[in-house]
């Protein structure tokens, strides 16, 4: 397991499209101003929490995480999302995503199947503080979006349980 997260090179563009200044976000998160200019963006868990907390604060939009996670343009998908799209089922896609996350980041995706239900839990293994709500929202929306795109059907969660 690595102690760093890869950030999509399209995040700054997505923020701009949603009316959020990437520069203001970096400044608020106290991250390097040239972070989004790097070809491979990699940050720690605490920097990730700071980034998504800053996105929430700068955007003043309670739904910003859901919007960021609902990317509909497949050309902007990262490799794990593309691999998930070519899975046999949504369950198989979730397992692929979980395996990928375990290998390349300090994040674990736990999948618990109970009868007709499947629960998905995101765990940040090296977190020293509470995760940013915007990041949780983004992970949730991203998972549902991948499921919808991959199955070609509407996927509506039976319920959503948040600790906040």
N, C-alpha and C. Protein backbone atom coordinates (compact mmCIF):
# COMPACT_ATOMS: atom_id res chain seq x y z
N UNK A 1 0.85 -1.18 0.00
CA UNK A 1 0.00 0.00 0.00
C UNK A 1 0.89 1.24 0.00
N UNK A 2 0.53 2.17 -0.82
CA UNK A 2 1.22 3.45 -0.86
C UNK A 2 0.56 4.40 0.14
N UNK A 3 1.24 5.48 0.46
CA UNK A 3 0.64 6.45 1.38
C UNK A 3 0.14 7.69 0.64
N UNK A 4 -0.03 7.58 -0.68
CA UNK A 4 -0.42 8.74 -1.48
C UNK A 4 -1.60 8.41 -2.38
N UNK A 5 -2.36 9.44 -2.69
CA UNK A 5 -3.49 9.35 -3.61
C UNK A 5 -3.13 10.03 -4.91
N UNK A 6 -3.56 9.46 -6.01
CA UNK A 6 -3.43 10.12 -7.30
C UNK A 6 -4.68 10.98 -7.52
N UNK A 7 -4.45 12.16 -7.98
CA UNK A 7 -5.54 13.09 -8.28
C UNK A 7 -5.68 13.17 -9.79
N UNK A 8 -6.91 13.18 -10.26
CA UNK A 8 -7.17 13.27 -11.69
C UNK A 8 -6.66 14.60 -12.23
N UNK A 9 -6.04 14.54 -13.38
CA UNK A 9 -5.57 15.74 -14.04
C UNK A 9 -6.71 16.63 -14.52
N UNK A 10 -7.93 16.11 -14.50
CA UNK A 10 -9.08 16.89 -14.94
C UNK A 10 -9.79 17.61 -13.80
N UNK A 11 -9.33 17.41 -12.57
CA UNK A 11 -10.02 18.02 -11.42
C UNK A 11 -10.08 19.54 -11.53
N UNK A 12 -8.98 20.18 -11.87
CA UNK A 12 -8.98 21.65 -11.97
C UNK A 12 -9.98 22.12 -13.03
N UNK A 13 -10.04 21.43 -14.16
CA UNK A 13 -10.98 21.79 -15.23
C UNK A 13 -12.42 21.62 -14.74
N UNK A 14 -12.69 20.51 -14.05
CA UNK A 14 -14.04 20.27 -13.53
C UNK A 14 -14.43 21.35 -12.52
N UNK A 15 -13.49 21.72 -11.66
CA UNK A 15 -13.78 22.78 -10.70
C UNK A 15 -14.16 24.07 -11.41
N UNK A 16 -13.35 24.43 -12.41
CA UNK A 16 -13.64 25.63 -13.19
C UNK A 16 -15.00 25.59 -13.86
N UNK A 17 -15.35 24.43 -14.42
CA UNK A 17 -16.66 24.28 -15.06
C UNK A 17 -17.81 24.44 -14.07
N UNK A 18 -17.55 24.12 -12.81
CA UNK A 18 -18.58 24.23 -11.77
C UNK A 18 -18.52 25.57 -11.04
N UNK A 19 -17.69 26.49 -11.56
CA UNK A 19 -17.61 27.83 -10.99
C UNK A 19 -16.76 27.95 -9.74
N UNK A 20 -15.86 26.98 -9.54
CA UNK A 20 -14.99 27.00 -8.37
C UNK A 20 -13.56 27.28 -8.84
N UNK A 21 -12.94 28.27 -8.26
CA UNK A 21 -11.58 28.65 -8.65
C UNK A 21 -10.56 27.64 -8.12
N UNK A 22 -9.85 26.93 -9.02
CA UNK A 22 -8.83 25.99 -8.56
C UNK A 22 -7.73 26.68 -7.75
N UNK A 23 -7.37 27.90 -8.11
CA UNK A 23 -6.34 28.64 -7.39
C UNK A 23 -6.80 28.93 -5.96
N UNK A 24 -8.05 29.37 -5.82
CA UNK A 24 -8.58 29.65 -4.49
C UNK A 24 -8.64 28.38 -3.64
N UNK A 25 -8.96 27.25 -4.27
CA UNK A 25 -9.01 25.98 -3.55
C UNK A 25 -7.63 25.60 -3.05
N UNK A 26 -6.63 25.70 -3.91
CA UNK A 26 -5.26 25.36 -3.50
C UNK A 26 -4.78 26.28 -2.39
N UNK A 27 -5.09 27.54 -2.50
CA UNK A 27 -4.68 28.50 -1.48
C UNK A 27 -5.33 28.15 -0.14
N UNK A 28 -6.65 27.91 -0.15
CA UNK A 28 -7.37 27.58 1.08
C UNK A 28 -6.86 26.28 1.69
N UNK A 29 -6.52 25.29 0.84
CA UNK A 29 -6.02 23.99 1.32
C UNK A 29 -4.55 24.05 1.72
N UNK A 30 -3.90 25.19 1.46
CA UNK A 30 -2.47 25.37 1.73
C UNK A 30 -1.63 24.33 0.99
N UNK A 31 -2.00 24.12 -0.28
CA UNK A 31 -1.25 23.22 -1.16
C UNK A 31 -0.48 24.05 -2.17
N UNK A 32 0.56 23.48 -2.79
CA UNK A 32 1.35 24.24 -3.77
C UNK A 32 0.49 24.77 -4.92
N UNK A 33 0.73 26.00 -5.31
CA UNK A 33 -0.04 26.63 -6.38
C UNK A 33 0.11 25.91 -7.72
N UNK A 34 1.20 25.22 -7.94
CA UNK A 34 1.42 24.51 -9.19
C UNK A 34 0.95 23.06 -9.16
N UNK A 35 0.23 22.67 -8.13
CA UNK A 35 -0.18 21.27 -7.98
C UNK A 35 -0.93 20.75 -9.20
N UNK A 36 -1.90 21.51 -9.69
CA UNK A 36 -2.71 21.05 -10.81
C UNK A 36 -1.96 21.09 -12.14
N UNK A 37 -0.77 21.69 -12.17
CA UNK A 37 0.03 21.75 -13.39
C UNK A 37 0.91 20.51 -13.57
N UNK A 38 1.01 19.68 -12.54
CA UNK A 38 1.86 18.49 -12.61
C UNK A 38 1.22 17.44 -13.52
N UNK A 39 2.06 16.65 -14.18
CA UNK A 39 1.52 15.59 -15.04
C UNK A 39 0.97 14.43 -14.22
N UNK A 40 1.57 14.16 -13.08
CA UNK A 40 1.08 13.11 -12.17
C UNK A 40 0.92 13.74 -10.79
N UNK A 41 -0.31 13.97 -10.41
CA UNK A 41 -0.60 14.63 -9.14
C UNK A 41 -0.77 13.57 -8.06
N UNK A 42 0.01 13.70 -7.01
CA UNK A 42 -0.01 12.73 -5.92
C UNK A 42 0.07 13.47 -4.59
N UNK A 43 -0.91 13.18 -3.69
CA UNK A 43 -0.93 13.86 -2.40
C UNK A 43 -1.24 12.86 -1.28
N UNK A 44 -0.94 13.27 -0.05
CA UNK A 44 -1.18 12.42 1.12
C UNK A 44 -2.67 12.45 1.50
N UNK A 45 -3.04 11.59 2.42
CA UNK A 45 -4.42 11.55 2.91
C UNK A 45 -4.82 12.89 3.50
N UNK A 46 -3.98 13.45 4.35
CA UNK A 46 -4.31 14.73 4.98
C UNK A 46 -4.41 15.85 3.96
N UNK A 47 -3.56 15.84 2.94
CA UNK A 47 -3.66 16.83 1.87
C UNK A 47 -4.96 16.65 1.08
N UNK A 48 -5.36 15.38 0.88
CA UNK A 48 -6.62 15.10 0.18
C UNK A 48 -7.80 15.63 0.98
N UNK A 49 -7.78 15.40 2.29
CA UNK A 49 -8.85 15.92 3.14
C UNK A 49 -8.88 17.45 3.05
N UNK A 50 -7.72 18.08 3.12
CA UNK A 50 -7.63 19.55 3.04
C UNK A 50 -8.15 20.04 1.69
N UNK A 51 -7.79 19.34 0.61
CA UNK A 51 -8.23 19.73 -0.73
C UNK A 51 -9.76 19.71 -0.83
N UNK A 52 -10.38 18.62 -0.39
CA UNK A 52 -11.83 18.52 -0.53
C UNK A 52 -12.58 19.37 0.48
N UNK A 53 -11.98 19.66 1.62
CA UNK A 53 -12.58 20.60 2.56
C UNK A 53 -12.56 21.99 1.93
N UNK A 54 -11.45 22.34 1.30
CA UNK A 54 -11.33 23.64 0.63
C UNK A 54 -12.32 23.76 -0.53
N UNK A 55 -12.50 22.69 -1.29
CA UNK A 55 -13.47 22.71 -2.39
C UNK A 55 -14.85 23.03 -1.84
N UNK A 56 -15.21 22.39 -0.76
CA UNK A 56 -16.52 22.64 -0.13
C UNK A 56 -16.65 24.09 0.33
N UNK A 57 -15.63 24.60 0.99
CA UNK A 57 -15.68 25.96 1.53
C UNK A 57 -15.69 27.01 0.43
N UNK A 58 -14.89 26.82 -0.60
CA UNK A 58 -14.81 27.81 -1.68
C UNK A 58 -16.06 27.78 -2.54
N UNK A 59 -16.61 26.60 -2.78
CA UNK A 59 -17.76 26.50 -3.68
C UNK A 59 -19.04 27.03 -3.05
N UNK A 60 -19.20 26.91 -1.74
CA UNK A 60 -20.43 27.29 -1.06
C UNK A 60 -21.63 26.53 -1.63
N UNK A 61 -21.37 25.37 -2.22
CA UNK A 61 -22.42 24.52 -2.80
C UNK A 61 -22.41 23.19 -2.04
N UNK A 62 -23.46 22.93 -1.28
CA UNK A 62 -23.52 21.69 -0.49
C UNK A 62 -23.46 20.44 -1.36
N UNK A 63 -23.82 20.55 -2.63
CA UNK A 63 -23.82 19.40 -3.53
C UNK A 63 -22.59 19.29 -4.42
N UNK A 64 -21.54 20.05 -4.13
CA UNK A 64 -20.37 20.06 -5.01
C UNK A 64 -19.73 18.68 -5.13
N UNK A 65 -19.67 17.91 -4.08
CA UNK A 65 -19.08 16.57 -4.14
C UNK A 65 -19.87 15.66 -5.06
N UNK A 66 -21.20 15.75 -4.98
CA UNK A 66 -22.06 14.94 -5.85
C UNK A 66 -21.86 15.33 -7.31
N UNK A 67 -21.70 16.62 -7.56
CA UNK A 67 -21.48 17.09 -8.93
C UNK A 67 -20.12 16.62 -9.46
N UNK A 68 -19.09 16.71 -8.62
CA UNK A 68 -17.76 16.26 -9.06
C UNK A 68 -17.73 14.76 -9.34
N UNK A 69 -18.47 13.99 -8.57
CA UNK A 69 -18.48 12.55 -8.74
C UNK A 69 -19.36 12.05 -9.85
N UNK A 70 -20.17 12.94 -10.41
CA UNK A 70 -21.13 12.54 -11.45
C UNK A 70 -20.63 12.88 -12.85
N UNK A 71 -19.37 12.68 -13.09
CA UNK A 71 -18.80 12.95 -14.42
C UNK A 71 -19.42 12.02 -15.45
N UNK A 72 -20.04 12.59 -16.46
CA UNK A 72 -20.70 11.79 -17.48
C UNK A 72 -19.84 11.57 -18.73
N UNK A 73 -18.75 12.29 -18.84
CA UNK A 73 -17.93 12.18 -20.05
C UNK A 73 -16.86 11.10 -19.87
N UNK A 74 -17.03 9.94 -20.52
CA UNK A 74 -16.09 8.83 -20.34
C UNK A 74 -14.65 9.16 -20.74
N UNK A 75 -14.46 10.13 -21.62
CA UNK A 75 -13.09 10.49 -22.00
C UNK A 75 -12.32 11.10 -20.84
N UNK A 76 -13.01 11.49 -19.80
CA UNK A 76 -12.38 12.03 -18.60
C UNK A 76 -12.21 10.98 -17.50
N UNK A 77 -12.66 9.76 -17.74
CA UNK A 77 -12.55 8.72 -16.73
C UNK A 77 -11.10 8.30 -16.56
N UNK A 78 -10.77 7.91 -15.33
CA UNK A 78 -9.43 7.40 -15.06
C UNK A 78 -9.41 5.91 -15.40
N UNK A 79 -8.23 5.29 -15.41
CA UNK A 79 -8.13 3.88 -15.81
C UNK A 79 -9.01 2.93 -15.01
N UNK A 80 -9.13 3.13 -13.70
CA UNK A 80 -9.96 2.22 -12.91
C UNK A 80 -11.43 2.34 -13.30
N UNK A 81 -11.89 3.53 -13.62
CA UNK A 81 -13.28 3.70 -14.05
C UNK A 81 -13.52 3.00 -15.38
N UNK A 82 -12.57 3.12 -16.28
CA UNK A 82 -12.71 2.45 -17.58
C UNK A 82 -12.71 0.93 -17.41
N UNK A 83 -11.83 0.42 -16.56
CA UNK A 83 -11.81 -1.02 -16.29
C UNK A 83 -13.14 -1.47 -15.68
N UNK A 84 -13.69 -0.66 -14.79
CA UNK A 84 -14.97 -1.00 -14.17
C UNK A 84 -16.09 -1.05 -15.20
N UNK A 85 -16.05 -0.16 -16.18
CA UNK A 85 -17.08 -0.14 -17.21
C UNK A 85 -17.12 -1.44 -18.03
N UNK A 86 -16.00 -2.10 -18.13
CA UNK A 86 -15.92 -3.32 -18.93
C UNK A 86 -16.03 -4.58 -18.07
N UNK A 87 -16.62 -4.46 -16.91
CA UNK A 87 -16.84 -5.59 -16.03
C UNK A 87 -18.12 -6.31 -16.44
N UNK A 88 -18.25 -7.56 -16.00
CA UNK A 88 -19.43 -8.36 -16.33
C UNK A 88 -20.69 -7.86 -15.63
N UNK A 89 -20.52 -7.28 -14.45
CA UNK A 89 -21.67 -6.82 -13.67
C UNK A 89 -21.22 -5.66 -12.78
N UNK A 90 -22.19 -5.02 -12.16
CA UNK A 90 -21.87 -3.93 -11.25
C UNK A 90 -21.10 -4.47 -10.05
N UNK A 91 -21.48 -5.63 -9.56
CA UNK A 91 -20.76 -6.26 -8.45
C UNK A 91 -19.31 -6.53 -8.80
N UNK A 92 -19.07 -7.03 -10.01
CA UNK A 92 -17.70 -7.28 -10.47
C UNK A 92 -16.94 -5.96 -10.60
N UNK A 93 -17.61 -4.92 -11.06
CA UNK A 93 -16.97 -3.60 -11.18
C UNK A 93 -16.55 -3.09 -9.80
N UNK A 94 -17.42 -3.24 -8.80
CA UNK A 94 -17.08 -2.81 -7.45
C UNK A 94 -15.85 -3.56 -6.93
N UNK A 95 -15.79 -4.86 -7.20
CA UNK A 95 -14.64 -5.65 -6.75
C UNK A 95 -13.36 -5.21 -7.46
N UNK A 96 -13.43 -4.89 -8.73
CA UNK A 96 -12.25 -4.39 -9.45
C UNK A 96 -11.77 -3.07 -8.87
N UNK A 97 -12.72 -2.18 -8.62
CA UNK A 97 -12.37 -0.88 -8.05
C UNK A 97 -11.72 -1.07 -6.68
N UNK A 98 -12.30 -1.93 -5.85
CA UNK A 98 -11.76 -2.18 -4.51
C UNK A 98 -10.35 -2.74 -4.58
N UNK A 99 -10.12 -3.67 -5.49
CA UNK A 99 -8.78 -4.27 -5.64
C UNK A 99 -7.77 -3.20 -6.09
N UNK A 100 -8.16 -2.38 -7.03
CA UNK A 100 -7.29 -1.31 -7.52
C UNK A 100 -6.93 -0.34 -6.40
N UNK A 101 -7.94 0.10 -5.65
CA UNK A 101 -7.69 1.05 -4.56
C UNK A 101 -6.74 0.47 -3.52
N UNK A 102 -6.91 -0.81 -3.21
CA UNK A 102 -6.03 -1.47 -2.24
C UNK A 102 -4.58 -1.46 -2.71
N UNK A 103 -4.38 -1.59 -4.02
CA UNK A 103 -3.02 -1.66 -4.57
C UNK A 103 -2.34 -0.31 -4.70
N UNK A 104 -3.10 0.74 -4.98
CA UNK A 104 -2.46 2.01 -5.35
C UNK A 104 -2.73 3.19 -4.43
N UNK A 105 -3.48 2.98 -3.36
CA UNK A 105 -3.76 4.12 -2.48
C UNK A 105 -4.00 3.65 -1.05
N UNK A 106 -3.96 4.58 -0.10
CA UNK A 106 -4.26 4.24 1.28
C UNK A 106 -5.77 4.28 1.55
N UNK A 107 -6.50 3.70 0.63
CA UNK A 107 -7.95 3.66 0.74
C UNK A 107 -8.42 2.23 0.56
N UNK A 108 -9.42 1.88 1.32
CA UNK A 108 -10.00 0.55 1.18
C UNK A 108 -11.48 0.72 0.89
N UNK A 109 -11.97 -0.05 -0.05
CA UNK A 109 -13.40 -0.07 -0.32
C UNK A 109 -13.90 -1.43 0.12
N UNK A 110 -14.76 -1.42 1.11
CA UNK A 110 -15.30 -2.67 1.66
C UNK A 110 -16.67 -2.91 1.05
N UNK A 111 -16.87 -4.12 0.57
CA UNK A 111 -18.12 -4.49 -0.07
C UNK A 111 -18.74 -5.61 0.76
N UNK A 112 -19.93 -5.38 1.26
CA UNK A 112 -20.63 -6.38 2.06
C UNK A 112 -21.94 -6.72 1.36
N UNK A 113 -22.08 -7.98 0.99
CA UNK A 113 -23.29 -8.42 0.32
C UNK A 113 -24.20 -9.11 1.33
N UNK A 114 -25.45 -8.69 1.35
CA UNK A 114 -26.46 -9.27 2.24
C UNK A 114 -27.73 -9.49 1.44
N UNK A 115 -27.95 -10.71 1.04
CA UNK A 115 -29.15 -11.02 0.25
C UNK A 115 -29.15 -10.24 -1.04
N UNK A 116 -30.19 -9.45 -1.25
CA UNK A 116 -30.33 -8.65 -2.47
C UNK A 116 -29.60 -7.31 -2.38
N UNK A 117 -29.01 -7.01 -1.23
CA UNK A 117 -28.34 -5.73 -1.03
C UNK A 117 -26.83 -5.87 -1.06
N UNK A 118 -26.21 -4.78 -1.44
CA UNK A 118 -24.76 -4.70 -1.43
C UNK A 118 -24.40 -3.36 -0.79
N UNK A 119 -23.65 -3.40 0.30
CA UNK A 119 -23.22 -2.18 0.97
C UNK A 119 -21.77 -1.89 0.58
N UNK A 120 -21.48 -0.63 0.33
CA UNK A 120 -20.13 -0.19 -0.04
C UNK A 120 -19.67 0.82 0.99
N UNK A 121 -18.50 0.58 1.57
CA UNK A 121 -17.96 1.47 2.59
C UNK A 121 -16.57 1.93 2.15
N UNK A 122 -16.32 3.21 2.26
CA UNK A 122 -15.02 3.78 1.93
C UNK A 122 -14.25 4.01 3.23
N UNK A 123 -13.03 3.50 3.30
CA UNK A 123 -12.21 3.63 4.51
C UNK A 123 -10.86 4.23 4.11
N UNK A 124 -10.46 5.29 4.80
CA UNK A 124 -9.18 5.92 4.56
C UNK A 124 -8.23 5.45 5.64
N UNK A 125 -7.33 4.57 5.27
CA UNK A 125 -6.52 3.82 6.21
C UNK A 125 -5.52 4.65 7.01
N UNK A 126 -5.03 5.73 6.46
CA UNK A 126 -4.01 6.53 7.14
C UNK A 126 -4.56 7.86 7.66
N UNK A 127 -5.86 7.98 7.73
CA UNK A 127 -6.48 9.23 8.16
C UNK A 127 -6.21 9.51 9.64
N UNK A 128 -5.85 10.74 9.90
CA UNK A 128 -5.66 11.18 11.28
C UNK A 128 -6.76 12.13 11.72
N UNK A 129 -7.55 12.58 10.77
CA UNK A 129 -8.68 13.46 11.06
C UNK A 129 -9.91 12.90 10.35
N UNK A 130 -11.02 13.56 10.56
CA UNK A 130 -12.28 13.16 9.92
C UNK A 130 -12.22 13.51 8.44
N UNK A 131 -12.72 12.58 7.62
CA UNK A 131 -12.70 12.80 6.17
C UNK A 131 -13.61 13.97 5.79
N UNK A 132 -13.26 14.59 4.69
CA UNK A 132 -14.02 15.73 4.19
C UNK A 132 -15.36 15.24 3.62
N UNK A 133 -16.48 15.82 4.06
CA UNK A 133 -17.78 15.39 3.54
C UNK A 133 -17.89 15.47 2.01
N UNK A 134 -17.25 16.47 1.42
CA UNK A 134 -17.29 16.61 -0.03
C UNK A 134 -16.65 15.41 -0.71
N UNK A 135 -15.59 14.89 -0.12
CA UNK A 135 -14.91 13.72 -0.69
C UNK A 135 -15.80 12.49 -0.59
N UNK A 136 -16.47 12.33 0.54
CA UNK A 136 -17.39 11.21 0.72
C UNK A 136 -18.50 11.28 -0.33
N UNK A 137 -19.07 12.46 -0.50
CA UNK A 137 -20.12 12.65 -1.50
C UNK A 137 -19.61 12.31 -2.90
N UNK A 138 -18.39 12.76 -3.20
CA UNK A 138 -17.84 12.50 -4.52
C UNK A 138 -17.65 11.00 -4.75
N UNK A 139 -17.11 10.29 -3.76
CA UNK A 139 -16.91 8.84 -3.89
C UNK A 139 -18.23 8.13 -4.11
N UNK A 140 -19.26 8.52 -3.36
CA UNK A 140 -20.58 7.94 -3.51
C UNK A 140 -21.12 8.18 -4.92
N UNK A 141 -21.11 9.43 -5.36
CA UNK A 141 -21.66 9.77 -6.68
C UNK A 141 -20.87 9.08 -7.78
N UNK A 142 -19.55 9.00 -7.63
CA UNK A 142 -18.70 8.35 -8.63
C UNK A 142 -19.08 6.87 -8.77
N UNK A 143 -19.30 6.21 -7.64
CA UNK A 143 -19.66 4.79 -7.66
C UNK A 143 -21.00 4.58 -8.36
N UNK A 144 -21.98 5.40 -8.04
CA UNK A 144 -23.29 5.28 -8.68
C UNK A 144 -23.19 5.60 -10.17
N UNK A 145 -22.42 6.61 -10.52
CA UNK A 145 -22.25 6.98 -11.93
C UNK A 145 -21.61 5.86 -12.73
N UNK A 146 -20.59 5.24 -12.18
CA UNK A 146 -19.94 4.10 -12.86
C UNK A 146 -20.95 2.97 -13.06
N UNK A 147 -21.74 2.71 -12.02
CA UNK A 147 -22.76 1.67 -12.13
C UNK A 147 -23.79 1.96 -13.20
N UNK A 148 -24.24 3.19 -13.26
CA UNK A 148 -25.22 3.58 -14.28
C UNK A 148 -24.63 3.49 -15.69
N UNK A 149 -23.43 4.00 -15.83
CA UNK A 149 -22.79 3.99 -17.15
C UNK A 149 -22.50 2.56 -17.59
N UNK A 150 -21.99 1.75 -16.68
CA UNK A 150 -21.60 0.39 -17.02
C UNK A 150 -22.76 -0.54 -17.31
N UNK A 151 -23.87 -0.37 -16.58
CA UNK A 151 -25.02 -1.25 -16.79
C UNK A 151 -25.98 -0.70 -17.83
N UNK A 152 -25.88 0.60 -18.10
CA UNK A 152 -26.81 1.21 -19.04
C UNK A 152 -28.21 1.36 -18.45
N UNK A 153 -28.31 1.20 -17.14
CA UNK A 153 -29.60 1.31 -16.45
C UNK A 153 -29.47 2.30 -15.31
N UNK A 154 -30.59 2.77 -14.87
CA UNK A 154 -30.60 3.65 -13.71
C UNK A 154 -30.33 2.81 -12.46
N UNK A 155 -29.40 3.25 -11.67
CA UNK A 155 -29.11 2.59 -10.40
C UNK A 155 -29.45 3.59 -9.31
N UNK A 156 -30.37 3.18 -8.46
CA UNK A 156 -30.80 4.04 -7.37
C UNK A 156 -30.55 3.32 -6.05
N UNK A 157 -29.68 3.85 -5.23
CA UNK A 157 -29.40 3.21 -3.94
C UNK A 157 -30.67 3.04 -3.12
N UNK A 158 -30.79 1.91 -2.46
CA UNK A 158 -31.94 1.66 -1.58
C UNK A 158 -31.93 2.62 -0.41
N UNK A 159 -30.73 2.89 0.10
CA UNK A 159 -30.57 3.84 1.19
C UNK A 159 -29.11 4.28 1.24
N UNK A 160 -28.90 5.40 1.87
CA UNK A 160 -27.56 5.93 2.05
C UNK A 160 -27.39 6.21 3.53
N UNK A 161 -26.33 5.66 4.11
CA UNK A 161 -26.06 5.89 5.53
C UNK A 161 -24.76 6.67 5.64
N UNK A 162 -24.85 7.84 6.24
CA UNK A 162 -23.69 8.68 6.46
C UNK A 162 -23.52 8.90 7.96
N UNK A 163 -22.29 8.99 8.40
CA UNK A 163 -22.03 9.20 9.82
C UNK A 163 -22.20 10.66 10.22
N UNK A 164 -22.22 11.55 9.26
CA UNK A 164 -22.33 12.97 9.60
C UNK A 164 -23.76 13.41 9.64
